[in-house]
Structures are given as structure tokens and as C-alpha cells.
Amino acid sequence: MRKVRIKDVNQITVKNIQSYMERTVTKVGSGAKVDCPKEFLGKKAFLIIKKYED
């Protein structure tokens, strides 16, 4: 099984954003998923996990 390295940072800067959205991670089988519109199929995306709820 492949391990994903997680970087613990406090700030991120992103340029050339096409869109952004806030979604809730939901359970699927023994894993999890985040839904997004299919217009973004094939696009590169970054998932940012918030440390605390606002």
C-alpha cells in the first residue's frame, strides 16, 4: 500500500485559480471522498484539510 505524505503548514498561496469550493469529506466503503462537479474531470486539484472548524 502506498503512503501519502502530509505536510503540516499554516499558509498556502495559489496562483491562476479557476474556481474554488468548500465540500465535506464523506465515507465511501473503507475510504473517503469529496464530491465536485464533473466539469472538473481530468483537471488537477488540491485538497486542503482545515485544522479547526470556523
PDB file of N, CA and C in Angstrom:
ATOM      1  N   MET A   1       0.830  -1.171   0.000  1.00  0.00           N
ATOM      2  CA  MET A   1       0.000   0.000   0.000  1.00  0.00           C
ATOM      3  C   MET A   1       0.884   1.248   0.000  1.00  0.00           C
ATOM      4  N   ARG A   2       0.503   2.237  -0.757  1.00  0.00           N
ATOM      5  CA  ARG A   2       1.251   3.476  -0.896  1.00  0.00           C
ATOM      6  C   ARG A   2       0.862   4.451   0.211  1.00  0.00           C
ATOM      7  N   LYS A   3       1.836   5.113   0.816  1.00  0.00           N
ATOM      8  CA  LYS A   3       1.591   6.119   1.853  1.00  0.00           C
ATOM      9  C   LYS A   3       1.641   7.500   1.225  1.00  0.00           C
ATOM     10  N   VAL A   4       0.741   8.370   1.645  1.00  0.00           N
ATOM     11  CA  VAL A   4       0.712   9.749   1.187  1.00  0.00           C
ATOM     12  C   VAL A   4       1.341  10.610   2.271  1.00  0.00           C
ATOM     13  N   ARG A   5       2.337  11.400   1.905  1.00  0.00           N
ATOM     14  CA  ARG A   5       2.970  12.291   2.873  1.00  0.00           C
ATOM     15  C   ARG A   5       2.121  13.542   3.027  1.00  0.00           C
ATOM     16  N   ILE A   6       1.897  13.942   4.261  1.00  0.00           N
ATOM     17  CA  ILE A   6       1.102  15.125   4.561  1.00  0.00           C
ATOM     18  C   ILE A   6       2.018  16.184   5.138  1.00  0.00           C
ATOM     19  N   LYS A   7       1.982  17.375   4.554  1.00  0.00           N
ATOM     20  CA  LYS A   7       2.788  18.488   5.049  1.00  0.00           C
ATOM     21  C   LYS A   7       1.923  19.353   5.954  1.00  0.00           C
ATOM     22  N   ASP A   8       2.418  19.644   7.130  1.00  0.00           N
ATOM     23  CA  ASP A   8       1.707  20.471   8.097  1.00  0.00           C
ATOM     24  C   ASP A   8       2.172  21.915   7.950  1.00  0.00           C
ATOM     25  N   VAL A   9       1.399  22.739   7.242  1.00  0.00           N
ATOM     26  CA  VAL A   9       1.758  24.136   7.015  1.00  0.00           C
ATOM     27  C   VAL A   9       0.625  25.039   7.489  1.00  0.00           C
ATOM     28  N   ASN A  10       0.927  26.305   7.676  1.00  0.00           N
ATOM     29  CA  ASN A  10      -0.061  27.261   8.164  1.00  0.00           C
ATOM     30  C   ASN A  10      -0.588  28.193   7.084  1.00  0.00           C
ATOM     31  N   GLN A  11       0.080  28.240   5.940  1.00  0.00           N
ATOM     32  CA  GLN A  11      -0.322  29.174   4.897  1.00  0.00           C
ATOM     33  C   GLN A  11      -0.011  28.579   3.538  1.00  0.00           C
ATOM     34  N   ILE A  12      -0.871  28.856   2.569  1.00  0.00           N
ATOM     35  CA  ILE A  12      -0.638  28.402   1.199  1.00  0.00           C
ATOM     36  C   ILE A  12      -1.058  29.525   0.248  1.00  0.00           C
ATOM     37  N   THR A  13      -0.291  29.727  -0.810  1.00  0.00           N
ATOM     38  CA  THR A  13      -0.599  30.722  -1.826  1.00  0.00           C
ATOM     39  C   THR A  13      -0.742  30.000  -3.158  1.00  0.00           C
ATOM     40  N   VAL A  14      -1.847  30.253  -3.857  1.00  0.00           N
ATOM     41  CA  VAL A  14      -2.111  29.584  -5.126  1.00  0.00           C
ATOM     42  C   VAL A  14      -2.410  30.646  -6.177  1.00  0.00           C
ATOM     43  N   LYS A  15      -1.773  30.516  -7.340  1.00  0.00           N
ATOM     44  CA  LYS A  15      -1.997  31.454  -8.447  1.00  0.00           C
ATOM     45  C   LYS A  15      -2.828  30.772  -9.527  1.00  0.00           C
ATOM     46  N   ASN A  16      -3.461  31.558 -10.371  1.00  0.00           N
ATOM     47  CA  ASN A  16      -4.238  31.092 -11.521  1.00  0.00           C
ATOM     48  C   ASN A  16      -5.351  30.130 -11.119  1.00  0.00           C
ATOM     49  N   ILE A  17      -6.162  30.512 -10.131  1.00  0.00           N
ATOM     50  CA  ILE A  17      -7.277  29.685  -9.668  1.00  0.00           C
ATOM     51  C   ILE A  17      -8.435  29.818 -10.652  1.00  0.00           C
ATOM     52  N   GLN A  18      -8.951  28.697 -11.122  1.00  0.00           N
ATOM     53  CA  GLN A  18     -10.118  28.712 -11.996  1.00  0.00           C
ATOM     54  C   GLN A  18     -11.395  28.786 -11.157  1.00  0.00           C
ATOM     55  N   SER A  19     -11.407  28.068 -10.056  1.00  0.00           N
ATOM     56  CA  SER A  19     -12.587  28.018  -9.203  1.00  0.00           C
ATOM     57  C   SER A  19     -12.172  27.491  -7.834  1.00  0.00           C
ATOM     58  N   TYR A  20     -13.004  27.706  -6.847  1.00  0.00           N
ATOM     59  CA  TYR A  20     -12.785  27.069  -5.559  1.00  0.00           C
ATOM     60  C   TYR A  20     -14.137  26.786  -4.921  1.00  0.00           C
ATOM     61  N   MET A  21     -14.180  25.808  -4.030  1.00  0.00           N
ATOM     62  CA  MET A  21     -15.429  25.408  -3.386  1.00  0.00           C
ATOM     63  C   MET A  21     -15.119  24.768  -2.054  1.00  0.00           C
ATOM     64  N   GLU A  22     -16.099  24.737  -1.183  1.00  0.00           N
ATOM     65  CA  GLU A  22     -15.942  24.069   0.105  1.00  0.00           C
ATOM     66  C   GLU A  22     -16.877  22.877   0.125  1.00  0.00           C
ATOM     67  N   ARG A  23     -16.340  21.716   0.431  1.00  0.00           N
ATOM     68  CA  ARG A  23     -17.107  20.473   0.459  1.00  0.00           C
ATOM     69  C   ARG A  23     -16.809  19.720   1.747  1.00  0.00           C
ATOM     70  N   THR A  24     -17.665  18.762   2.093  1.00  0.00           N
ATOM     71  CA  THR A  24     -17.467  17.904   3.249  1.00  0.00           C
ATOM     72  C   THR A  24     -16.987  16.536   2.777  1.00  0.00           C
ATOM     73  N   VAL A  25     -15.991  15.998   3.447  1.00  0.00           N
ATOM     74  CA  VAL A  25     -15.491  14.665   3.130  1.00  0.00           C
ATOM     75  C   VAL A  25     -16.506  13.652   3.641  1.00  0.00           C
ATOM     76  N   THR A  26     -16.898  12.699   2.783  1.00  0.00           N
ATOM     77  CA  THR A  26     -17.891  11.687   3.163  1.00  0.00           C
ATOM     78  C   THR A  26     -17.294  10.295   3.040  1.00  0.00           C
ATOM     79  N   LYS A  27     -17.870   9.365   3.784  1.00  0.00           N
ATOM     80  CA  LYS A  27     -17.387   7.991   3.796  1.00  0.00           C
ATOM     81  C   LYS A  27     -17.867   7.244   2.550  1.00  0.00           C
ATOM     82  N   VAL A  28     -16.976   6.416   1.990  1.00  0.00           N
ATOM     83  CA  VAL A  28     -17.339   5.534   0.894  1.00  0.00           C
ATOM     84  C   VAL A  28     -16.529   4.253   1.074  1.00  0.00           C
ATOM     85  N   GLY A  29     -17.190   3.146   1.357  1.00  0.00           N
ATOM     86  CA  GLY A  29     -16.502   1.884   1.619  1.00  0.00           C
ATOM     87  C   GLY A  29     -15.584   2.018   2.826  1.00  0.00           C
ATOM     88  N   SER A  30     -14.308   1.677   2.640  1.00  0.00           N
ATOM     89  CA  SER A  30     -13.344   1.812   3.733  1.00  0.00           C
ATOM     90  C   SER A  30     -12.499   3.072   3.574  1.00  0.00           C
ATOM     91  N   GLY A  31     -12.919   3.972   2.681  1.00  0.00           N
ATOM     92  CA  GLY A  31     -12.179   5.209   2.437  1.00  0.00           C
ATOM     93  C   GLY A  31     -13.063   6.429   2.571  1.00  0.00           C
ATOM     94  N   ALA A  32     -12.708   7.480   1.865  1.00  0.00           N
ATOM     95  CA  ALA A  32     -13.463   8.726   1.903  1.00  0.00           C
ATOM     96  C   ALA A  32     -13.389   9.395   0.538  1.00  0.00           C
ATOM     97  N   LYS A  33     -14.303  10.348   0.301  1.00  0.00           N
ATOM     98  CA  LYS A  33     -14.318  11.064  -0.979  1.00  0.00           C
ATOM     99  C   LYS A  33     -14.803  12.484  -0.778  1.00  0.00           C
ATOM    100  N   VAL A  34     -14.518  13.328  -1.753  1.00  0.00           N
ATOM    101  CA  VAL A  34     -15.019  14.692  -1.793  1.00  0.00           C
ATOM    102  C   VAL A  34     -15.647  14.870  -3.165  1.00  0.00           C
ATOM    103  N   ASP A  35     -16.911  15.224  -3.214  1.00  0.00           N
ATOM    104  CA  ASP A  35     -17.605  15.415  -4.492  1.00  0.00           C
ATOM    105  C   ASP A  35     -17.262  16.773  -5.098  1.00  0.00           C
ATOM    106  N   CYS A  36     -17.210  16.802  -6.423  1.00  0.00           N
ATOM    107  CA  CYS A  36     -17.065  18.063  -7.146  1.00  0.00           C
ATOM    108  C   CYS A  36     -17.779  17.917  -8.488  1.00  0.00           C
ATOM    109  N   PRO A  37     -18.113  19.024  -9.142  1.00  0.00           N
ATOM    110  CA  PRO A  37     -18.801  18.967 -10.424  1.00  0.00           C
ATOM    111  C   PRO A  37     -17.976  18.253 -11.490  1.00  0.00           C
ATOM    112  N   LYS A  38     -18.639  17.546 -12.407  1.00  0.00           N
ATOM    113  CA  LYS A  38     -17.908  16.786 -13.421  1.00  0.00           C
ATOM    114  C   LYS A  38     -17.257  17.667 -14.473  1.00  0.00           C
ATOM    115  N   GLU A  39     -17.525  18.958 -14.467  1.00  0.00           N
ATOM    116  CA  GLU A  39     -16.817  19.863 -15.377  1.00  0.00           C
ATOM    117  C   GLU A  39     -15.318  19.900 -15.065  1.00  0.00           C
ATOM    118  N   PHE A  40     -14.933  19.412 -13.875  1.00  0.00           N
ATOM    119  CA  PHE A  40     -13.538  19.397 -13.480  1.00  0.00           C
ATOM    120  C   PHE A  40     -12.872  18.043 -13.696  1.00  0.00           C
ATOM    121  N   LEU A  41     -13.533  17.103 -14.348  1.00  0.00           N
ATOM    122  CA  LEU A  41     -12.930  15.807 -14.661  1.00  0.00           C
ATOM    123  C   LEU A  41     -11.657  16.019 -15.473  1.00  0.00           C
ATOM    124  N   GLY A  42     -10.593  15.356 -15.080  1.00  0.00           N
ATOM    125  CA  GLY A  42      -9.320  15.471 -15.787  1.00  0.00           C
ATOM    126  C   GLY A  42      -8.480  16.660 -15.369  1.00  0.00           C
ATOM    127  N   LYS A  43      -9.017  17.537 -14.517  1.00  0.00           N
ATOM    128  CA  LYS A  43      -8.260  18.699 -14.049  1.00  0.00           C
ATOM    129  C   LYS A  43      -7.435  18.304 -12.828  1.00  0.00           C
ATOM    130  N   LYS A  44      -6.357  19.004 -12.590  1.00  0.00           N
ATOM    131  CA  LYS A  44      -5.549  18.798 -11.400  1.00  0.00           C
ATOM    132  C   LYS A  44      -6.184  19.591 -10.264  1.00  0.00           C
ATOM    133  N   ALA A  45      -6.305  18.964  -9.104  1.00  0.00           N
ATOM    134  CA  ALA A  45      -6.944  19.617  -7.958  1.00  0.00           C
ATOM    135  C   ALA A  45      -6.093  19.413  -6.713  1.00  0.00           C
ATOM    136  N   PHE A  46      -6.224  20.324  -5.768  1.00  0.00           N
ATOM    137  CA  PHE A  46      -5.552  20.214  -4.481  1.00  0.00           C
ATOM    138  C   PHE A  46      -6.622  20.176  -3.399  1.00  0.00           C
ATOM    139  N   LEU A  47      -6.458  19.283  -2.456  1.00  0.00           N
ATOM    140  CA  LEU A  47      -7.389  19.169  -1.342  1.00  0.00           C
ATOM    141  C   LEU A  47      -6.699  19.710  -0.102  1.00  0.00           C
ATOM    142  N   ILE A  48      -7.313  20.687   0.546  1.00  0.00           N
ATOM    143  CA  ILE A  48      -6.753  21.303   1.742  1.00  0.00           C
ATOM    144  C   ILE A  48      -7.657  20.940   2.916  1.00  0.00           C
ATOM    145  N   ILE A  49      -7.088  20.323   3.938  1.00  0.00           N
ATOM    146  CA  ILE A  49      -7.840  19.936   5.120  1.00  0.00           C
ATOM    147  C   ILE A  49      -7.663  21.019   6.184  1.00  0.00           C
ATOM    148  N   LYS A  50      -8.785  21.574   6.659  1.00  0.00           N
ATOM    149  CA  LYS A  50      -8.720  22.621   7.678  1.00  0.00           C
ATOM    150  C   LYS A  50      -8.439  21.986   9.043  1.00  0.00           C
ATOM    151  N   LYS A  51      -7.574  22.652   9.824  1.00  0.00           N
ATOM    152  CA  LYS A  51      -7.208  22.132  11.127  1.00  0.00           C
ATOM    153  C   LYS A  51      -8.359  22.279  12.131  1.00  0.00           C
ATOM    154  N   TYR A  52      -9.039  23.408  12.090  1.00  0.00           N
ATOM    155  CA  TYR A  52     -10.148  23.690  13.001  1.00  0.00           C
ATOM    156  C   TYR A  52     -11.343  24.179  12.213  1.00  0.00           C
ATOM    157  N   GLU A  53     -12.529  23.849  12.690  1.00  0.00           N
ATOM    158  CA  GLU A  53     -13.736  24.386  12.076  1.00  0.00           C
ATOM    159  C   GLU A  53     -13.901  25.845  12.485  1.00  0.00           C
ATOM    160  N   ASP A  54     -14.327  26.689  11.574  1.00  0.00           N
ATOM    161  CA  ASP A  54     -14.537  28.106  11.874  1.00  0.00           C
ATOM    162  C   ASP A  54     -15.894  28.319  12.498  1.00  0.00           C
TER     163      ASP A  54
END
